């Protein structure tokens, strides 16, 4: 009888449990190639372990300067697409989000039983660290990634890399550049740790050589790579046939596999390098293991003092930026300004440098000097475009996943505003409005600017732009009112 009861309980439990093959673990990232592949490797490895279905979305990107993503059919085989591709996008409300909090197979099963959804979106890069499965082997993403069904052309690029012969023990050094060094994200300081500054590369190659390792340099700017090879003797992917790939995607896969064949990879937090390390099941190591942040800053500043003209201005400016970020909390405001002013001289369109310089003056209670910088910057931009917010104001309140890029400087702007400086007050109004969502304090702050300069057209425009911010969850009436505000109609 007890045997029958046990069988009955098992049958009831099985019937209550959702069908694993109807529950999806989906990767839906729409950023760069590395980010998409890493999310897919995580999601499929987890789905395979749980017995769930795996699926992914994929949309081509062809209009971006630094991130061209080919269509799904150029990356994956027809078989792989037929089996796993969910289309260019999915209805997100049909899925829960798998976040980096501890979870188990049973907790996911229980959630799937209680809720009527298709499964989980799995885009967090470190999600597997949150999976708890005592007694089981560690989920190995390497086999999963290597088992992807790639297109014939991608397979040829990977095979070509596998056939290359290295002259000896090799370490890869990934010098990410792109939009963080030369594009729109160079004012978004939060992304800086993805990049190994090219101005640090000579010392890294020398250090690796002392460890008996040759260096394979991977980067995006040919002139910079050629210069570094001539100075250090490092090898480039061109030395192994990368120039044969005119298609940038195929070249990326070729270089990824070359990196995967090295003994180790040195990189910033670049996801491209992480995918290569997963592909080869080798470590990806930050360069802080070679030089701590203070020493790295010292090396970079020394390199720029002697060889600044050898680097593209944006590469040199980023070197100063990296040195500043490494030293920011340990140096005087005067020393910080010295470094920032050199960066700004090389990259004058990058407003983050001017804003940081102004903040450094405010921090010393030298409000007049900081205010003069803000007035010059904001007036110049307003003459070019009266669109609100100004470019510098947008940079001031850039928000990324870690928070606001300039959050540590907000209080310095508030202090200058309290001291009666109208441009600092205008910036503070924008911070309160866009960063904190505080409408009334923002209005009081810009009113302070207008009391000081009642006829200032810029301040009037800023005042007109401070209005309720409608959240995506707001109802139809607030959304309609927001649309009217944007059209210039006040109700």
Protein backbone atom coordinates (compact mmCIF):
# COMPACT_ATOMS: atom_id res chain seq x y z
CA UNK A 1 0.00 0.00 0.00
CA UNK A 2 2.82 2.32 0.90
CA UNK A 3 4.42 1.57 -2.44
CA UNK A 4 1.22 2.56 -4.22
CA UNK A 5 1.02 5.82 -2.21
CA UNK A 6 4.58 6.65 -3.13
CA UNK A 7 3.86 6.05 -6.80
CA UNK A 8 0.71 8.19 -6.54
CA UNK A 9 2.60 11.08 -4.92
CA UNK A 10 5.24 10.94 -7.63
CA UNK A 11 2.56 10.98 -10.32
CA UNK A 12 0.85 13.99 -8.76
CA UNK A 13 4.18 15.79 -8.41
CA UNK A 14 5.05 15.06 -12.03
CA UNK A 15 1.69 16.33 -13.24
CA UNK A 16 2.08 19.57 -11.25
CA UNK A 17 5.52 20.22 -12.62
CA UNK A 18 5.60 22.25 -15.86
CA UNK A 19 6.76 20.53 -19.01
CA UNK A 20 10.48 21.44 -19.24
CA UNK A 21 10.34 21.53 -23.00
CA UNK A 22 7.67 24.21 -22.90
CA UNK A 23 9.71 26.47 -20.60
CA UNK A 24 12.28 28.73 -22.24
CA UNK A 25 15.58 30.16 -21.09
CA UNK A 26 16.05 32.96 -23.60
CA UNK A 27 19.02 35.21 -24.41
CA UNK A 28 17.78 38.49 -25.84
CA UNK A 29 20.67 40.95 -25.72
CA UNK A 30 20.85 43.41 -28.63
CA UNK A 31 24.29 44.97 -28.05
CA UNK A 32 27.63 43.88 -29.52
CA UNK A 33 28.71 40.50 -30.81
CA UNK A 34 30.54 39.52 -27.64
CA UNK A 35 27.64 40.42 -25.35
CA UNK A 36 25.17 38.42 -27.41
CA UNK A 37 27.36 35.32 -27.64
CA UNK A 38 28.16 35.32 -23.92
CA UNK A 39 24.49 35.63 -22.96
CA UNK A 40 23.63 32.81 -25.38
CA UNK A 41 26.35 30.55 -23.95
CA UNK A 42 25.07 31.18 -20.42
CA UNK A 43 21.43 30.67 -21.34
CA UNK A 44 21.95 27.48 -23.34
CA UNK A 45 24.30 25.95 -20.77
CA UNK A 46 21.71 26.60 -18.06
CA UNK A 47 18.80 25.37 -20.18
CA UNK A 48 20.68 22.17 -21.00
CA UNK A 49 21.38 21.54 -17.31
CA UNK A 50 17.75 22.17 -16.30
CA UNK A 51 16.21 20.31 -19.20
CA UNK A 52 14.46 23.47 -20.42
CA UNK A 53 14.32 24.81 -23.94
CA UNK A 54 16.87 27.35 -25.12
CA UNK A 55 16.04 30.23 -27.43
CA UNK A 56 17.60 33.49 -28.56
CA UNK A 57 16.66 36.66 -30.36
CA UNK A 58 18.88 38.28 -32.95
CA UNK A 59 18.51 41.53 -34.84
CA UNK A 60 21.02 42.91 -37.33
CA UNK A 61 22.60 46.31 -36.70
CA UNK A 62 23.97 47.99 -39.79
CA UNK A 63 23.88 51.69 -39.07
CA UNK A 64 26.33 52.04 -36.21
CA UNK A 65 29.92 53.13 -36.65
CA UNK A 66 31.43 50.76 -34.14
CA UNK A 67 28.95 47.89 -33.76
CA UNK A 68 27.89 46.34 -37.05
CA UNK A 69 26.01 43.11 -36.38
CA UNK A 70 25.20 40.84 -39.32
CA UNK A 71 21.87 39.12 -39.76
CA UNK A 72 21.28 35.83 -37.96
CA UNK A 73 21.68 33.80 -41.16
CA UNK A 74 25.26 35.05 -41.62
CA UNK A 75 26.27 33.99 -38.10
CA UNK A 76 24.47 30.70 -37.52
CA UNK A 77 23.58 27.60 -39.53
CA UNK A 78 20.07 27.08 -40.87
CA UNK A 79 19.66 24.13 -38.51
CA UNK A 80 20.62 26.17 -35.42
CA UNK A 81 18.31 29.01 -36.45
CA UNK A 82 15.39 26.66 -37.07
CA UNK A 83 15.85 25.06 -33.67
CA UNK A 84 16.57 28.03 -31.42
CA UNK A 85 15.94 31.44 -33.03
CA UNK A 86 12.89 33.20 -31.57
CA UNK A 87 12.91 36.07 -34.06
CA UNK A 88 14.24 39.61 -33.83
CA UNK A 89 12.45 40.22 -30.55
CA UNK A 90 10.00 38.63 -28.13
CA UNK A 91 7.19 39.97 -25.96
CA UNK A 92 9.05 40.68 -22.75
CA UNK A 93 5.90 40.62 -20.62
CA UNK A 94 5.62 36.87 -21.39
CA UNK A 95 8.88 36.26 -19.53
CA UNK A 96 10.34 36.72 -16.07
CA UNK A 97 13.87 38.12 -15.77
CA UNK A 98 16.53 35.80 -14.40
CA UNK A 99 18.62 38.00 -12.14
CA UNK A 100 21.83 37.40 -10.22
CA UNK A 101 20.17 36.18 -7.05
CA UNK A 102 20.51 32.63 -5.79
CA UNK A 103 18.19 30.16 -7.52
CA UNK A 104 17.81 26.40 -7.93
CA UNK A 105 16.08 24.04 -10.31
CA UNK A 106 13.25 23.56 -7.81
CA UNK A 107 12.76 27.31 -7.30
CA UNK A 108 12.44 27.84 -11.05
CA UNK A 109 10.04 24.89 -11.33
CA UNK A 110 7.91 26.33 -8.51
CA UNK A 111 7.80 29.76 -10.14
CA UNK A 112 6.85 28.25 -13.50
CA UNK A 113 4.02 26.28 -11.82
CA UNK A 114 2.57 29.38 -10.13
CA UNK A 115 2.86 31.77 -13.04
CA UNK A 116 1.65 31.58 -16.59
CA UNK A 117 4.71 32.63 -18.55
CA UNK A 118 6.92 31.26 -21.30
CA UNK A 119 10.10 31.24 -19.25
CA UNK A 120 13.00 33.47 -18.26
CA UNK A 121 15.11 36.05 -20.04
CA UNK A 122 18.73 35.29 -19.21
CA UNK A 123 21.00 38.23 -20.12
CA UNK A 124 23.06 38.71 -16.95
CA UNK A 125 26.69 37.89 -17.77
CA UNK A 126 27.47 36.31 -14.39
CA UNK A 127 24.17 34.50 -13.94
CA UNK A 128 25.71 31.06 -13.53
CA UNK A 129 27.35 32.20 -10.30
CA UNK A 130 23.85 32.42 -8.80
CA UNK A 131 22.83 28.88 -9.75
CA UNK A 132 22.80 26.47 -6.79
CA UNK A 133 22.95 22.76 -7.62
CA UNK A 134 24.70 20.85 -4.86
CA UNK A 135 26.45 17.68 -5.86
CA UNK A 136 26.44 18.52 -9.57
CA UNK A 137 29.35 19.46 -11.75
CA UNK A 138 30.04 23.10 -12.51
CA UNK A 139 28.23 24.21 -15.63
CA UNK A 140 30.84 24.44 -18.34
CA UNK A 141 30.07 27.09 -20.91
CA UNK A 142 33.08 26.29 -23.08
CA UNK A 143 31.57 23.12 -24.52
CA UNK A 144 28.26 24.89 -25.00
CA UNK A 145 29.78 27.79 -26.94
CA UNK A 146 31.98 25.54 -29.05
CA UNK A 147 28.91 23.45 -29.86
CA UNK A 148 26.95 26.33 -31.39
CA UNK A 149 25.88 25.74 -34.96
CA UNK A 150 27.73 28.49 -36.78
CA UNK A 151 27.39 29.29 -40.46
CA UNK A 152 29.83 27.79 -42.97
CA UNK A 153 31.73 31.09 -43.32
CA UNK A 154 32.09 31.51 -39.56
CA UNK A 155 33.28 27.91 -39.25
CA UNK A 156 35.90 28.57 -41.94
CA UNK A 157 37.18 31.60 -39.99
CA UNK A 158 37.37 29.54 -36.78
CA UNK A 159 39.11 26.68 -38.58
CA UNK A 160 41.63 29.09 -40.11
CA UNK A 161 42.54 30.32 -36.63
CA UNK A 162 42.93 26.76 -35.39
CA UNK A 163 45.47 26.03 -38.15
CA UNK A 164 47.75 28.95 -37.20
CA UNK A 165 51.07 28.04 -35.61
CA UNK A 166 52.32 30.17 -32.74
CA UNK A 167 56.08 30.68 -32.36
CA UNK A 168 55.96 29.86 -28.65
CA UNK A 169 54.01 30.47 -25.44
CA UNK A 170 51.63 33.34 -26.15
CA UNK A 171 49.45 35.71 -24.17
CA UNK A 172 46.76 37.80 -25.84
CA UNK A 173 46.44 41.51 -25.00
CA UNK A 174 43.08 42.95 -25.99
CA UNK A 175 43.26 46.71 -26.55
CA UNK A 176 39.58 47.53 -26.87
CA UNK A 177 39.03 50.99 -28.32
CA UNK A 178 36.02 51.72 -30.53
CA UNK A 179 33.24 53.91 -29.22
CA UNK A 180 34.70 54.10 -25.69
CA UNK A 181 37.92 55.76 -26.87
CA UNK A 182 36.85 57.38 -30.15
CA UNK A 183 33.06 57.45 -30.14
CA UNK A 184 30.11 58.68 -28.12
CA UNK A 185 30.95 56.69 -24.99
CA UNK A 186 34.26 58.42 -24.38
CA UNK A 187 32.40 60.84 -22.08
CA UNK A 188 30.80 57.93 -20.19
CA UNK A 189 33.51 57.27 -17.65
CA UNK A 190 31.82 54.10 -16.37
CA UNK A 191 32.88 52.19 -19.49
CA UNK A 192 36.57 53.04 -19.15
CA UNK A 193 37.41 49.79 -17.37
CA UNK A 194 36.52 47.85 -20.52
CA UNK A 195 39.62 49.28 -22.18
CA UNK A 196 43.31 48.62 -21.73
CA UNK A 197 44.82 52.00 -22.70
CA UNK A 198 47.13 51.75 -25.68
CA UNK A 199 49.48 54.03 -23.76
CA UNK A 200 50.01 51.20 -21.25
CA UNK A 201 50.65 48.50 -23.86
CA UNK A 202 54.43 48.88 -24.17
CA UNK A 203 54.92 48.18 -20.48
CA UNK A 204 52.51 45.25 -20.54
CA UNK A 205 54.34 43.61 -23.46
CA UNK A 206 57.65 44.11 -21.66
CA UNK A 207 56.27 42.58 -18.47
CA UNK A 208 54.85 39.57 -20.32
CA UNK A 209 58.18 39.08 -22.10
CA UNK A 210 59.90 38.90 -18.72
CA UNK A 211 57.52 36.04 -17.89
CA UNK A 212 58.54 34.16 -21.04
CA UNK A 213 55.41 35.02 -23.01
CA UNK A 214 55.13 36.57 -26.46
CA UNK A 215 52.21 38.98 -26.90
CA UNK A 216 49.43 38.79 -29.45
CA UNK A 217 47.95 42.29 -29.77
CA UNK A 218 44.26 42.54 -30.65
CA UNK A 219 42.70 45.92 -31.27
CA UNK A 220 40.57 48.03 -33.56
CA UNK A 221 42.90 50.75 -34.82
CA UNK A 222 45.48 49.52 -37.33
CA UNK A 223 47.79 52.55 -37.00
CA UNK A 224 47.99 52.15 -33.21
CA UNK A 225 48.66 48.41 -33.51
CA UNK A 226 51.36 48.91 -36.13
CA UNK A 227 53.06 51.53 -33.96
CA UNK A 228 53.03 49.29 -30.91
CA UNK A 229 54.38 46.35 -32.90
CA UNK A 230 57.25 48.48 -34.18
CA UNK A 231 58.06 49.55 -30.62
CA UNK A 232 57.65 46.23 -28.82
CA UNK A 233 57.98 43.37 -31.30
CA UNK A 234 54.52 42.08 -30.34
CA UNK A 235 52.63 40.04 -32.90
CA UNK A 236 49.39 41.12 -34.55
CA UNK A 237 46.52 39.02 -35.84
CA UNK A 238 47.57 40.29 -39.30
CA UNK A 239 50.70 38.17 -38.89
CA UNK A 240 48.45 35.10 -38.87
CA UNK A 241 46.22 36.05 -41.78
CA UNK A 242 43.58 38.40 -40.37
CA UNK A 243 43.90 40.70 -43.39
CA UNK A 244 42.42 37.97 -45.56
CA UNK A 245 39.06 38.62 -43.91
CA UNK A 246 37.45 41.67 -45.47
CA UNK A 247 34.21 40.94 -43.61
CA UNK A 248 34.50 42.46 -40.13
CA UNK A 249 32.35 39.77 -38.51
CA UNK A 250 34.45 36.92 -39.88
CA UNK A 251 37.60 38.74 -38.83
CA UNK A 252 36.14 39.09 -35.33
CA UNK A 253 35.53 35.34 -35.07
CA UNK A 254 39.04 34.64 -36.40
CA UNK A 255 40.60 36.94 -33.80
CA UNK A 256 38.40 35.55 -31.05
CA UNK A 257 39.58 32.02 -31.77
CA UNK A 258 43.23 33.14 -31.97
CA UNK A 259 42.87 34.68 -28.51
CA UNK A 260 41.22 31.47 -27.29
CA UNK A 261 44.33 29.52 -28.31
CA UNK A 262 46.68 31.63 -26.18
CA UNK A 263 47.71 30.56 -22.68
CA UNK A 264 45.92 33.51 -21.10
CA UNK A 265 44.22 36.75 -22.08
CA UNK A 266 44.96 40.16 -20.58
CA UNK A 267 42.09 42.60 -20.99
CA UNK A 268 39.80 45.05 -19.30
CA UNK A 269 36.20 44.04 -18.69
CA UNK A 270 35.66 43.65 -22.44
CA UNK A 271 33.03 41.00 -23.15
CA UNK A 272 34.76 40.13 -26.44
CA UNK A 273 37.77 38.98 -24.42
CA UNK A 274 35.49 37.10 -22.01
CA UNK A 275 33.90 35.17 -24.89
CA UNK A 276 37.37 34.25 -26.18
CA UNK A 277 38.34 33.01 -22.71
CA UNK A 278 35.15 30.91 -22.54
CA UNK A 279 35.75 29.56 -26.03
CA UNK A 280 39.26 28.44 -25.12
CA UNK A 281 38.53 27.66 -21.47
CA UNK A 282 41.48 29.87 -20.50
CA UNK A 283 41.70 32.69 -17.96
CA UNK A 284 40.96 36.31 -18.85
CA UNK A 285 43.00 38.46 -16.48
CA UNK A 286 42.89 42.18 -15.79
CA UNK A 287 46.10 44.11 -16.20
CA UNK A 288 45.90 45.15 -12.52
CA UNK A 289 47.61 41.82 -11.84
CA UNK A 290 50.66 43.29 -13.58
CA UNK A 291 50.46 46.89 -12.29
CA UNK A 292 48.24 48.33 -9.60
CA UNK A 293 46.19 51.41 -10.48
CA UNK A 294 48.71 53.93 -9.16
CA UNK A 295 51.60 52.32 -11.00
CA UNK A 296 49.53 52.04 -14.20
CA UNK A 297 48.69 55.77 -14.01
CA UNK A 298 52.36 56.61 -13.47
CA UNK A 299 53.36 54.51 -16.51
CA UNK A 300 50.70 56.09 -18.72
CA UNK A 301 51.62 59.65 -17.75
CA UNK A 302 55.28 58.88 -18.33
CA UNK A 303 54.55 57.40 -21.74
CA UNK A 304 52.50 60.44 -22.73
CA UNK A 305 55.15 62.83 -21.51
CA UNK A 306 57.67 61.30 -23.88
CA UNK A 307 55.53 59.99 -26.76
CA UNK A 308 52.16 61.74 -26.81
CA UNK A 309 52.54 62.76 -30.44
CA UNK A 310 52.98 59.11 -31.45
CA UNK A 311 49.37 58.36 -30.53
CA UNK A 312 46.10 59.44 -32.09
CA UNK A 313 44.75 62.40 -30.06
CA UNK A 314 41.78 60.35 -28.80
CA UNK A 315 44.08 57.50 -27.74
CA UNK A 316 46.29 59.98 -25.87
CA UNK A 317 43.25 61.70 -24.33
CA UNK A 318 41.94 58.36 -23.13
CA UNK A 319 45.33 57.67 -21.58
CA UNK A 320 45.00 60.84 -19.52
CA UNK A 321 41.41 59.88 -18.68
CA UNK A 322 42.51 56.43 -17.48
CA UNK A 323 45.30 57.95 -15.38
CA UNK A 324 42.89 60.47 -13.86
CA UNK A 325 40.32 57.80 -12.96
CA UNK A 326 43.03 55.68 -11.34
CA UNK A 327 44.23 58.62 -9.24
CA UNK A 328 41.09 60.74 -8.78
CA UNK A 329 40.56 60.01 -5.10
CA UNK A 330 44.25 60.25 -4.20
CA UNK A 331 45.49 63.48 -5.77
CA UNK A 332 44.90 67.16 -5.21
CA UNK A 333 42.35 69.11 -7.23
CA UNK A 334 45.21 71.03 -8.84
CA UNK A 335 46.89 67.81 -9.99
CA UNK A 336 43.55 66.47 -11.26
CA UNK A 337 43.02 69.64 -13.31
CA UNK A 338 46.50 69.34 -14.78
CA UNK A 339 45.69 65.86 -16.11
CA UNK A 340 42.15 66.76 -17.22
CA UNK A 341 43.27 69.88 -19.06
CA UNK A 342 45.71 67.81 -21.12
CA UNK A 343 42.91 65.41 -22.02
CA UNK A 344 40.57 68.27 -22.87
CA UNK A 345 43.18 69.89 -25.10
CA UNK A 346 43.34 66.69 -27.14
CA UNK A 347 39.58 66.09 -27.14
CA UNK A 348 37.91 69.51 -26.80
CA UNK A 349 34.45 68.19 -27.76
CA UNK A 350 34.39 65.87 -24.76
CA UNK A 351 32.42 67.86 -22.20
CA UNK A 352 33.12 65.49 -19.33
CA UNK A 353 36.60 66.98 -18.97
CA UNK A 354 35.33 70.57 -18.68
CA UNK A 355 32.65 69.49 -16.19
CA UNK A 356 35.18 67.61 -14.08
CA UNK A 357 37.52 70.61 -14.11
CA UNK A 358 34.68 72.89 -12.99
CA UNK A 359 33.80 70.44 -10.20
CA UNK A 360 37.42 70.41 -9.03
CA UNK A 361 37.34 74.20 -8.63
CA UNK A 362 34.03 74.02 -6.78
CA UNK A 363 35.52 71.42 -4.45
CA UNK A 364 38.19 73.96 -3.49
CA UNK A 365 35.51 76.65 -2.98
CA UNK A 366 36.93 78.51 -5.98
CA UNK A 367 33.45 79.04 -7.34
CA UNK A 368 34.34 81.86 -9.72
CA UNK A 369 36.78 79.75 -11.72
CA UNK A 370 34.39 76.82 -11.98
CA UNK A 371 31.50 79.12 -12.90
CA UNK A 372 33.56 80.72 -15.67
CA UNK A 373 34.14 77.28 -17.22
CA UNK A 374 30.42 76.43 -17.07
CA UNK A 375 29.38 79.79 -18.51
CA UNK A 376 31.80 79.50 -21.43
CA UNK A 377 30.83 75.89 -22.15
CA UNK A 378 27.05 76.31 -21.88
CA UNK A 379 26.91 79.61 -23.74
CA UNK A 380 28.95 78.23 -26.62
CA UNK A 381 26.74 75.16 -26.94
CA UNK A 382 23.55 77.21 -26.69
CA UNK A 383 24.69 79.37 -29.62
CA UNK A 384 25.06 76.21 -31.71
CA UNK A 385 21.80 74.58 -30.64
CA UNK A 386 19.02 75.73 -28.33
CA UNK A 387 17.76 72.17 -27.92
CA UNK A 388 17.33 71.22 -24.27
CA UNK A 389 19.11 69.79 -22.47
CA UNK A 390 22.43 71.06 -23.79
CA UNK A 391 25.03 68.46 -24.67
CA UNK A 392 27.05 69.28 -21.54
CA UNK A 393 23.94 68.98 -19.39
CA UNK A 394 23.23 65.53 -20.85
CA UNK A 395 26.80 64.45 -20.08
CA UNK A 396 26.40 65.76 -16.54
CA UNK A 397 23.52 63.39 -15.84
CA UNK A 398 24.51 60.33 -17.89
CA UNK A 399 23.24 57.26 -16.09
CA UNK A 400 24.69 53.81 -16.68
CA UNK A 401 24.16 50.52 -14.90
CA UNK A 402 26.36 51.51 -11.96
CA UNK A 403 24.60 54.82 -11.50
CA UNK A 404 25.22 58.38 -12.63
CA UNK A 405 28.67 58.86 -14.12
CA UNK A 406 29.28 62.18 -12.32
CA UNK A 407 27.34 61.48 -9.13
CA UNK A 408 30.39 62.13 -6.92
CA UNK A 409 30.49 65.70 -8.30
CA UNK A 410 26.82 66.59 -7.80
CA UNK A 411 27.32 67.99 -4.31
CA UNK A 412 30.09 70.29 -5.60
CA UNK A 413 27.65 71.79 -8.12
CA UNK A 414 25.02 72.21 -5.39
CA UNK A 415 27.57 73.98 -3.17
CA UNK A 416 28.41 76.44 -5.95
CA UNK A 417 24.70 77.02 -6.56
CA UNK A 418 24.14 77.73 -2.85
CA UNK A 419 26.99 80.23 -3.07
CA UNK A 420 24.95 82.19 -5.62
CA UNK A 421 26.50 81.24 -8.98
CA UNK A 422 23.79 81.08 -11.66
CA UNK A 423 25.34 78.61 -14.16
CA UNK A 424 26.13 76.19 -11.35
CA UNK A 425 22.52 76.63 -10.21
CA UNK A 426 21.25 75.92 -13.74
CA UNK A 427 23.30 72.70 -13.82
CA UNK A 428 22.05 71.82 -10.35
CA UNK A 429 18.47 72.31 -11.50
CA UNK A 430 19.11 69.85 -14.30
CA UNK A 431 20.67 67.36 -11.88
CA UNK A 432 17.70 67.61 -9.52
CA UNK A 433 15.24 67.24 -12.39
CA UNK A 434 16.85 64.51 -14.51
CA UNK A 435 18.99 62.60 -11.99
CA UNK A 436 16.76 62.77 -8.92
CA UNK A 437 13.31 63.43 -10.37
CA UNK A 438 12.79 66.31 -7.91
CA UNK A 439 10.59 68.75 -9.79
CA UNK A 440 9.94 71.46 -7.20
CA UNK A 441 13.56 71.73 -5.97
CA UNK A 442 14.68 71.90 -9.62
CA UNK A 443 12.24 74.75 -10.30
CA UNK A 444 13.44 76.62 -7.22
CA UNK A 445 17.05 76.17 -8.34
CA UNK A 446 16.52 77.54 -11.87
CA UNK A 447 14.45 80.38 -10.39
CA UNK A 448 17.60 81.31 -8.48
CA UNK A 449 19.51 81.53 -11.79
CA UNK A 450 16.81 83.76 -13.27
CA UNK A 451 16.78 86.06 -10.27
CA UNK A 452 20.49 86.65 -10.87
CA UNK A 453 20.10 87.09 -14.65
CA UNK A 454 16.40 87.71 -15.45
CA UNK A 455 16.94 88.21 -19.20
CA UNK A 456 19.18 85.16 -19.74
CA UNK A 457 17.56 83.25 -22.63
CA UNK A 458 19.42 80.03 -21.80
CA UNK A 459 18.07 80.02 -18.26
CA UNK A 460 14.56 80.64 -19.58
CA UNK A 461 14.90 77.65 -21.91
CA UNK A 462 16.12 75.48 -19.05
CA UNK A 463 13.16 76.65 -16.95
CA UNK A 464 10.79 75.71 -19.76
CA UNK A 465 12.30 72.24 -20.03
CA UNK A 466 11.74 71.37 -16.37
CA UNK A 467 8.44 69.54 -16.32
CA UNK A 468 7.02 66.31 -14.91
CA UNK A 469 8.85 63.22 -16.12
CA UNK A 470 6.41 60.51 -17.18
CA UNK A 471 7.42 56.99 -16.26
CA UNK A 472 6.70 54.13 -18.67
CA UNK A 473 4.04 52.83 -16.23
CA UNK A 474 2.08 56.08 -16.18
CA UNK A 475 -1.45 56.16 -17.52
CA UNK A 476 -2.66 57.51 -20.84
CA UNK A 477 -3.43 61.02 -19.59
CA UNK A 478 0.06 61.72 -18.16
CA UNK A 479 1.60 60.28 -21.32
CA UNK A 480 -0.58 62.50 -23.47
CA UNK A 481 0.28 65.53 -21.35
CA UNK A 482 3.98 64.69 -21.66
CA UNK A 483 3.59 64.51 -25.44
CA UNK A 484 1.97 67.92 -25.50
CA UNK A 485 4.78 69.34 -23.36
CA UNK A 486 7.29 68.01 -25.86
CA UNK A 487 5.35 69.67 -28.65
CA UNK A 488 5.42 72.97 -26.79
CA UNK A 489 1.74 72.93 -25.75
CA UNK A 490 1.08 73.67 -22.08
CA UNK A 491 -2.07 72.40 -20.35
